[in-house]
């Protein structure tokens, strides 16, 4: 039997990951076995073990194929790019002659996760699994750390931007940067869960109310317009 080429091996690996996404979306991570995935892919269980040591390694590979929505949101906000843009590359930074206002950067950060999921079905499927199809206990606890890190980084970046807004008189009296960051993060998290909760439509577009909801919160957090 001829040995597989590197290209064929990579194609088999991607096929296994694609099938694993579909099975996990339908059954949940804890109720999915490697045998289930092998059967869905039309391959032997040995083919899975050739590429992945166990289910945790396979799940990590699924997540490694995509940018998590909050990770890309941070990259775009820090680069001052509009929501829906591709993330900046290290060797090709985006030009930024005029820095965005803190509230513009916050809006970009808040909307970017939804633009990513609408643009990239694979990212949407991976994030649906992360939010709704996995129980991160025991051996599956470590994969949750990446999302936890993204949440902490996102909240920290938002607090910094709200602090800049407060210094410019753009934050309502009595609202601290920490409170504002918590409110915006909670809204983003809730909307992400709403947008990915349907098991029968993991590739559907985001909810129409996402942008109005985020804009409404930012308006409520903003201080009154200066008198003329």
Protein backbone atom coordinates (compact mmCIF):
# COMPACT_ATOMS: atom_id res chain seq x y z
CA UNK A 1 0.00 0.00 0.00
CA UNK A 2 1.59 3.30 -1.05
CA UNK A 3 2.37 5.85 1.64
CA UNK A 4 0.19 8.94 1.73
CA UNK A 5 1.67 12.18 0.61
CA UNK A 6 1.91 15.12 2.97
CA UNK A 7 -0.91 16.81 1.07
CA UNK A 8 -3.14 13.74 1.39
CA UNK A 9 -2.42 13.47 5.12
CA UNK A 10 -3.30 17.13 5.61
CA UNK A 11 -6.49 16.71 3.62
CA UNK A 12 -7.48 13.74 5.81
CA UNK A 13 -6.75 15.76 8.95
CA UNK A 14 -8.94 18.64 7.76
CA UNK A 15 -11.71 16.22 6.81
CA UNK A 16 -11.61 14.71 10.29
CA UNK A 17 -11.82 18.15 11.88
CA UNK A 18 -14.71 19.15 9.63
CA UNK A 19 -16.61 15.98 10.54
CA UNK A 20 -15.75 16.40 14.22
CA UNK A 21 -17.30 19.88 14.17
CA UNK A 22 -20.52 18.50 12.71
CA UNK A 23 -20.78 15.60 15.16
CA UNK A 24 -19.96 17.75 18.21
CA UNK A 25 -22.49 20.36 17.14
CA UNK A 26 -25.15 17.66 16.98
CA UNK A 27 -24.22 15.61 20.07
CA UNK A 28 -22.08 17.80 22.33
CA UNK A 29 -18.40 17.33 23.11
CA UNK A 30 -18.80 15.09 26.16
CA UNK A 31 -21.17 12.72 24.31
CA UNK A 32 -19.01 12.47 21.20
CA UNK A 33 -16.46 9.67 20.93
CA UNK A 34 -13.57 9.32 18.53
CA UNK A 35 -15.43 6.34 17.08
CA UNK A 36 -18.41 8.59 16.33
CA UNK A 37 -16.13 10.98 14.46
CA UNK A 38 -14.38 8.20 12.57
CA UNK A 39 -17.72 6.78 11.48
CA UNK A 40 -18.97 10.18 10.30
CA UNK A 41 -15.72 10.71 8.37
CA UNK A 42 -15.86 7.23 6.79
CA UNK A 43 -12.48 6.34 8.31
CA UNK A 44 -11.12 3.96 10.92
CA UNK A 45 -10.48 5.05 14.48
CA UNK A 46 -6.83 4.36 13.79
CA UNK A 47 -6.87 7.19 11.25
CA UNK A 48 -7.90 9.58 14.01
CA UNK A 49 -5.14 8.37 16.34
CA UNK A 50 -2.65 8.92 13.54
CA UNK A 51 -3.43 12.64 13.73
CA UNK A 52 -4.70 13.19 17.30
CA UNK A 53 -3.62 11.62 20.57
CA UNK A 54 -7.08 11.96 22.13
CA UNK A 55 -10.32 13.94 22.03
CA UNK A 56 -8.75 16.90 23.83
CA UNK A 57 -6.05 17.17 21.16
CA UNK A 58 -8.71 17.00 18.46
CA UNK A 59 -10.79 19.70 20.13
CA UNK A 60 -7.71 21.92 20.48
CA UNK A 61 -7.06 21.46 16.76
CA UNK A 62 -10.62 22.57 15.98
CA UNK A 63 -10.12 25.74 17.99
CA UNK A 64 -6.63 26.37 16.59
CA UNK A 65 -8.05 26.59 13.06
CA UNK A 66 -9.91 29.82 13.86
CA UNK A 67 -9.57 33.18 15.51
CA UNK A 68 -11.95 33.36 18.44
CA UNK A 69 -14.29 36.33 18.01
CA UNK A 70 -12.99 38.21 21.05
CA UNK A 71 -9.39 37.65 19.97
CA UNK A 72 -10.03 39.25 16.59
CA UNK A 73 -12.07 42.02 18.19
CA UNK A 74 -9.07 42.99 20.28
CA UNK A 75 -6.75 42.97 17.28
CA UNK A 76 -9.05 45.23 15.26
CA UNK A 77 -9.73 47.63 18.11
CA UNK A 78 -6.04 48.03 18.85
CA UNK A 79 -5.32 48.67 15.17
CA UNK A 80 -8.18 51.16 14.85
CA UNK A 81 -9.84 49.20 12.04
CA UNK A 82 -13.60 49.05 11.41
CA UNK A 83 -15.66 46.02 12.34
CA UNK A 84 -15.65 43.40 9.58
CA UNK A 85 -12.04 44.06 8.56
CA UNK A 86 -9.49 41.29 8.38
CA UNK A 87 -7.08 41.22 11.31
CA UNK A 88 -3.80 43.09 10.75
CA UNK A 89 -0.75 41.04 9.83
CA UNK A 90 2.52 41.54 11.74
CA UNK A 91 4.48 42.31 8.56
CA UNK A 92 1.74 44.49 7.06
CA UNK A 93 0.35 46.80 9.74
CA UNK A 94 -2.65 48.89 8.80
CA UNK A 95 -1.95 52.58 8.27
CA UNK A 96 -3.47 54.75 10.96
CA UNK A 97 -2.93 58.45 10.36
CA UNK A 98 -5.82 59.42 12.64
CA UNK A 99 -6.41 57.54 15.86
CA UNK A 100 -10.06 56.57 16.44
CA UNK A 101 -11.88 58.06 19.38
CA UNK A 102 -12.17 55.73 22.38
CA UNK A 103 -15.90 55.28 21.78
CA UNK A 104 -15.28 54.45 18.10
CA UNK A 105 -12.69 51.88 19.15
CA UNK A 106 -15.13 50.43 21.68
CA UNK A 107 -17.83 50.12 19.00
CA UNK A 108 -15.36 48.35 16.71
CA UNK A 109 -14.38 45.98 19.49
CA UNK A 110 -18.02 45.23 20.33
CA UNK A 111 -19.21 44.62 16.74
CA UNK A 112 -16.19 42.70 15.47
CA UNK A 113 -17.08 39.30 16.99
CA UNK A 114 -20.39 39.30 15.12
CA UNK A 115 -18.81 40.42 11.84
CA UNK A 116 -16.30 37.58 12.16
CA UNK A 117 -18.96 34.94 12.76
CA UNK A 118 -21.04 36.20 9.84
CA UNK A 119 -18.00 36.19 7.54
CA UNK A 120 -16.43 32.93 8.70
CA UNK A 121 -18.78 29.93 9.15
CA UNK A 122 -15.94 27.85 10.59
CA UNK A 123 -15.35 30.41 13.34
CA UNK A 124 -19.07 30.44 14.06
CA UNK A 125 -19.19 26.65 14.37
CA UNK A 126 -16.14 26.59 16.64
CA UNK A 127 -17.55 29.31 18.86
CA UNK A 128 -20.95 27.58 19.00
CA UNK A 129 -19.18 24.47 20.27
CA UNK A 130 -17.21 26.52 22.79
CA UNK A 131 -20.31 28.28 24.17
CA UNK A 132 -22.98 25.57 23.95
CA UNK A 133 -21.62 22.09 23.25
CA UNK A 134 -18.79 21.59 25.74
CA UNK A 135 -18.49 21.04 29.48
CA UNK A 136 -15.03 22.14 30.53
CA UNK A 137 -14.35 19.86 33.47
CA UNK A 138 -11.69 17.23 34.06
CA UNK A 139 -9.52 16.64 31.03
CA UNK A 140 -11.50 19.20 29.05
CA UNK A 141 -10.81 22.04 31.49
CA UNK A 142 -7.56 23.36 29.86
CA UNK A 143 -9.13 24.27 26.47
CA UNK A 144 -11.38 26.81 28.22
CA UNK A 145 -8.34 28.82 29.33
CA UNK A 146 -7.93 30.40 25.89
CA UNK A 147 -11.44 31.83 25.96
CA UNK A 148 -11.00 32.96 29.57
CA UNK A 149 -7.80 34.78 28.59
CA UNK A 150 -9.59 36.47 25.68
CA UNK A 151 -12.39 37.62 28.00
CA UNK A 152 -9.93 39.06 30.52
CA UNK A 153 -7.91 40.82 27.81
CA UNK A 154 -11.08 42.17 26.23
CA UNK A 155 -12.40 43.53 29.52
CA UNK A 156 -9.05 45.13 30.28
CA UNK A 157 -8.88 46.79 26.86
CA UNK A 158 -12.42 48.09 27.18
CA UNK A 159 -11.69 49.52 30.63
CA UNK A 160 -8.69 51.37 29.20
CA UNK A 161 -10.76 52.78 26.36
CA UNK A 162 -13.55 53.83 28.72
CA UNK A 163 -10.93 55.49 30.92
CA UNK A 164 -9.76 57.50 27.89
CA UNK A 165 -13.39 58.40 27.17
CA UNK A 166 -13.85 59.56 30.76
CA UNK A 167 -10.77 61.77 30.51
CA UNK A 168 -12.31 63.37 27.41
CA UNK A 169 -15.65 63.94 29.16
CA UNK A 170 -17.35 61.22 27.09
CA UNK A 171 -18.51 59.01 29.96
CA UNK A 172 -21.69 59.69 31.93
CA UNK A 173 -21.26 60.96 35.50
CA UNK A 174 -21.26 58.18 38.08
CA UNK A 175 -20.21 55.53 35.53
CA UNK A 176 -16.68 54.29 36.14
CA UNK A 177 -14.58 52.71 33.37
CA UNK A 178 -14.77 49.37 35.21
CA UNK A 179 -18.58 49.47 35.38
CA UNK A 180 -18.86 50.49 31.72
CA UNK A 181 -16.48 47.70 30.63
CA UNK A 182 -18.44 45.11 32.61
CA UNK A 183 -21.74 46.27 31.10
CA UNK A 184 -20.43 46.17 27.53
CA UNK A 185 -18.73 42.80 27.99
CA UNK A 186 -21.92 41.35 29.48
CA UNK A 187 -23.92 42.59 26.48
CA UNK A 188 -21.40 41.16 24.00
CA UNK A 189 -21.35 37.81 25.80
CA UNK A 190 -25.13 37.63 25.93
CA UNK A 191 -25.52 38.52 22.25
CA UNK A 192 -22.86 35.97 21.26
CA UNK A 193 -24.79 33.28 23.12
CA UNK A 194 -28.07 34.33 21.49
CA UNK A 195 -26.47 34.32 18.04
CA UNK A 196 -25.12 30.78 18.50
CA UNK A 197 -27.86 29.10 20.50
CA UNK A 198 -29.79 27.48 17.63
CA UNK A 199 -28.55 23.92 17.15
CA UNK A 200 -30.19 23.59 13.74
CA UNK A 201 -28.68 26.74 12.21
CA UNK A 202 -25.05 27.19 13.32
CA UNK A 203 -24.20 29.02 10.08
CA UNK A 204 -27.02 31.57 10.19
CA UNK A 205 -26.24 35.28 10.22
CA UNK A 206 -26.12 37.24 13.46
CA UNK A 207 -29.23 38.69 15.05
CA UNK A 208 -30.45 41.91 13.40
CA UNK A 209 -30.63 43.60 16.82
CA UNK A 210 -26.90 43.30 17.54
CA UNK A 211 -25.81 46.69 16.21
CA UNK A 212 -28.77 48.66 17.64
CA UNK A 213 -28.29 47.01 21.04
CA UNK A 214 -24.59 47.86 21.20
CA UNK A 215 -25.18 51.42 19.95
CA UNK A 216 -27.94 51.90 22.54
CA UNK A 217 -25.67 50.82 25.38
CA UNK A 218 -22.83 53.05 24.24
CA UNK A 219 -25.23 56.00 23.98
CA UNK A 220 -26.44 55.31 27.50
CA UNK A 221 -22.90 55.22 28.84
CA UNK A 222 -21.91 58.41 27.10
CA UNK A 223 -22.01 61.68 28.97
CA UNK A 224 -24.36 64.51 27.99
CA UNK A 225 -23.40 66.60 24.99
CA UNK A 226 -21.59 69.81 25.97
CA UNK A 227 -23.78 72.92 26.01
CA UNK A 228 -23.11 75.51 23.31
